[in-house]
Amino acid sequence: MADKSADSNRFARDPQRGIAAATGIGMNALKPIMHFQVSMLRMWADSIERFAGNYEKGLEETVTAVEEQSDKERAA
């Protein structure tokens, strides 16, 4: 019991220690939320990269088709 009163007196004398403890608790509570947000950002980035790859592939196919068409028109 004496130890508990000594701890409470120490926290009363040093409010920064209590602030640090509250900050640590808050950061521990935020950790899962931050992990979730990071995973959502990674999924978003992967989707954008896939979209960009598909866009480039479609653009290359279109350029190839246009070049083939113009070659056929020149040949005719």
Protein backbone atom coordinates (compact mmCIF):
# COMPACT_ATOMS: atom_id res chain seq x y z
CA MET A 1 0.00 0.00 0.00
CA ALA A 2 2.89 2.34 0.78
CA ASP A 3 4.30 1.71 -2.69
CA LYS A 4 1.04 2.77 -4.35
CA SER A 5 0.87 6.03 -2.40
CA ALA A 6 4.52 6.71 -3.23
CA ASP A 7 3.76 6.16 -6.93
CA SER A 8 0.73 8.46 -6.85
CA ASN A 9 2.76 11.13 -5.05
CA ARG A 10 5.52 10.83 -7.64
CA PHE A 11 3.01 11.28 -10.49
CA ALA A 12 1.48 14.26 -8.69
CA ARG A 13 4.90 15.90 -8.40
CA ASP A 14 5.86 15.08 -11.99
CA PRO A 15 2.89 15.63 -14.34
CA GLN A 16 5.09 15.02 -17.39
CA ARG A 17 5.41 11.39 -16.37
CA GLY A 18 1.62 11.08 -16.46
CA ILE A 19 1.52 12.79 -19.84
CA ALA A 20 4.15 10.40 -21.15
CA ALA A 21 2.16 7.43 -19.86
CA ALA A 22 -1.02 8.73 -21.49
CA THR A 23 0.85 9.32 -24.75
CA GLY A 24 2.16 5.76 -24.69
CA ILE A 25 -1.34 4.39 -24.14
CA GLY A 26 -2.68 6.54 -26.99
CA MET A 27 0.07 5.40 -29.36
CA ASN A 28 -0.64 1.76 -28.53
CA ALA A 29 -4.31 2.35 -29.31
CA LEU A 30 -3.45 3.98 -32.64
CA LYS A 31 -1.09 1.24 -33.82
CA PRO A 32 -3.79 -1.09 -35.28
CA ILE A 33 -5.50 1.85 -36.99
CA MET A 34 -2.22 2.93 -38.55
CA HIS A 35 -1.51 -0.62 -39.74
CA PHE A 36 -4.95 -0.75 -41.35
CA GLN A 37 -4.43 2.60 -43.09
CA VAL A 38 -1.02 1.52 -44.38
CA SER A 39 -2.47 -1.72 -45.76
CA MET A 40 -5.25 0.24 -47.48
CA LEU A 41 -2.68 2.59 -49.04
CA ARG A 42 -0.67 -0.40 -50.28
CA MET A 43 -3.78 -1.92 -51.87
CA TRP A 44 -4.59 1.44 -53.46
CA ALA A 45 -1.05 1.77 -54.84
CA ASP A 46 -1.15 -1.79 -56.21
CA SER A 47 -4.44 -1.05 -57.96
CA ILE A 48 -3.02 2.09 -59.53
CA GLU A 49 0.06 0.21 -60.72
CA ARG A 50 -2.14 -2.50 -62.24
CA PHE A 51 -4.30 0.13 -63.94
CA ALA A 52 -1.20 1.88 -65.32
CA GLY A 53 0.16 -1.43 -66.64
CA ASN A 54 -3.13 -2.26 -68.33
CA TYR A 55 -3.31 1.26 -69.78
CA GLU A 56 0.22 1.00 -71.23
CA LYS A 57 -0.53 -2.45 -72.64
CA GLY A 58 -3.71 -1.16 -74.31
CA LEU A 59 -1.87 1.88 -75.64
CA GLU A 60 0.86 -0.31 -77.14
CA GLU A 61 -1.74 -2.55 -78.77
CA THR A 62 -3.49 0.50 -80.23
CA VAL A 63 -0.23 1.94 -81.58
CA THR A 64 0.64 -1.42 -83.15
CA ALA A 65 -2.79 -1.68 -84.77
CA VAL A 66 -2.57 1.86 -86.14
CA GLU A 67 0.93 1.22 -87.50
CA GLU A 68 -0.24 -2.00 -89.20
CA GLN A 69 -3.22 -0.19 -90.71
CA SER A 70 -1.03 2.62 -92.06
CA ASP A 71 1.44 0.06 -93.48
CA LYS A 72 -1.44 -1.71 -95.29
CA GLU A 73 -2.67 1.61 -96.69
CA ARG A 74 0.81 2.48 -97.96
CA ALA A 75 1.18 -0.93 -99.54
CA ALA A 76 -2.14 -0.62 -101.37
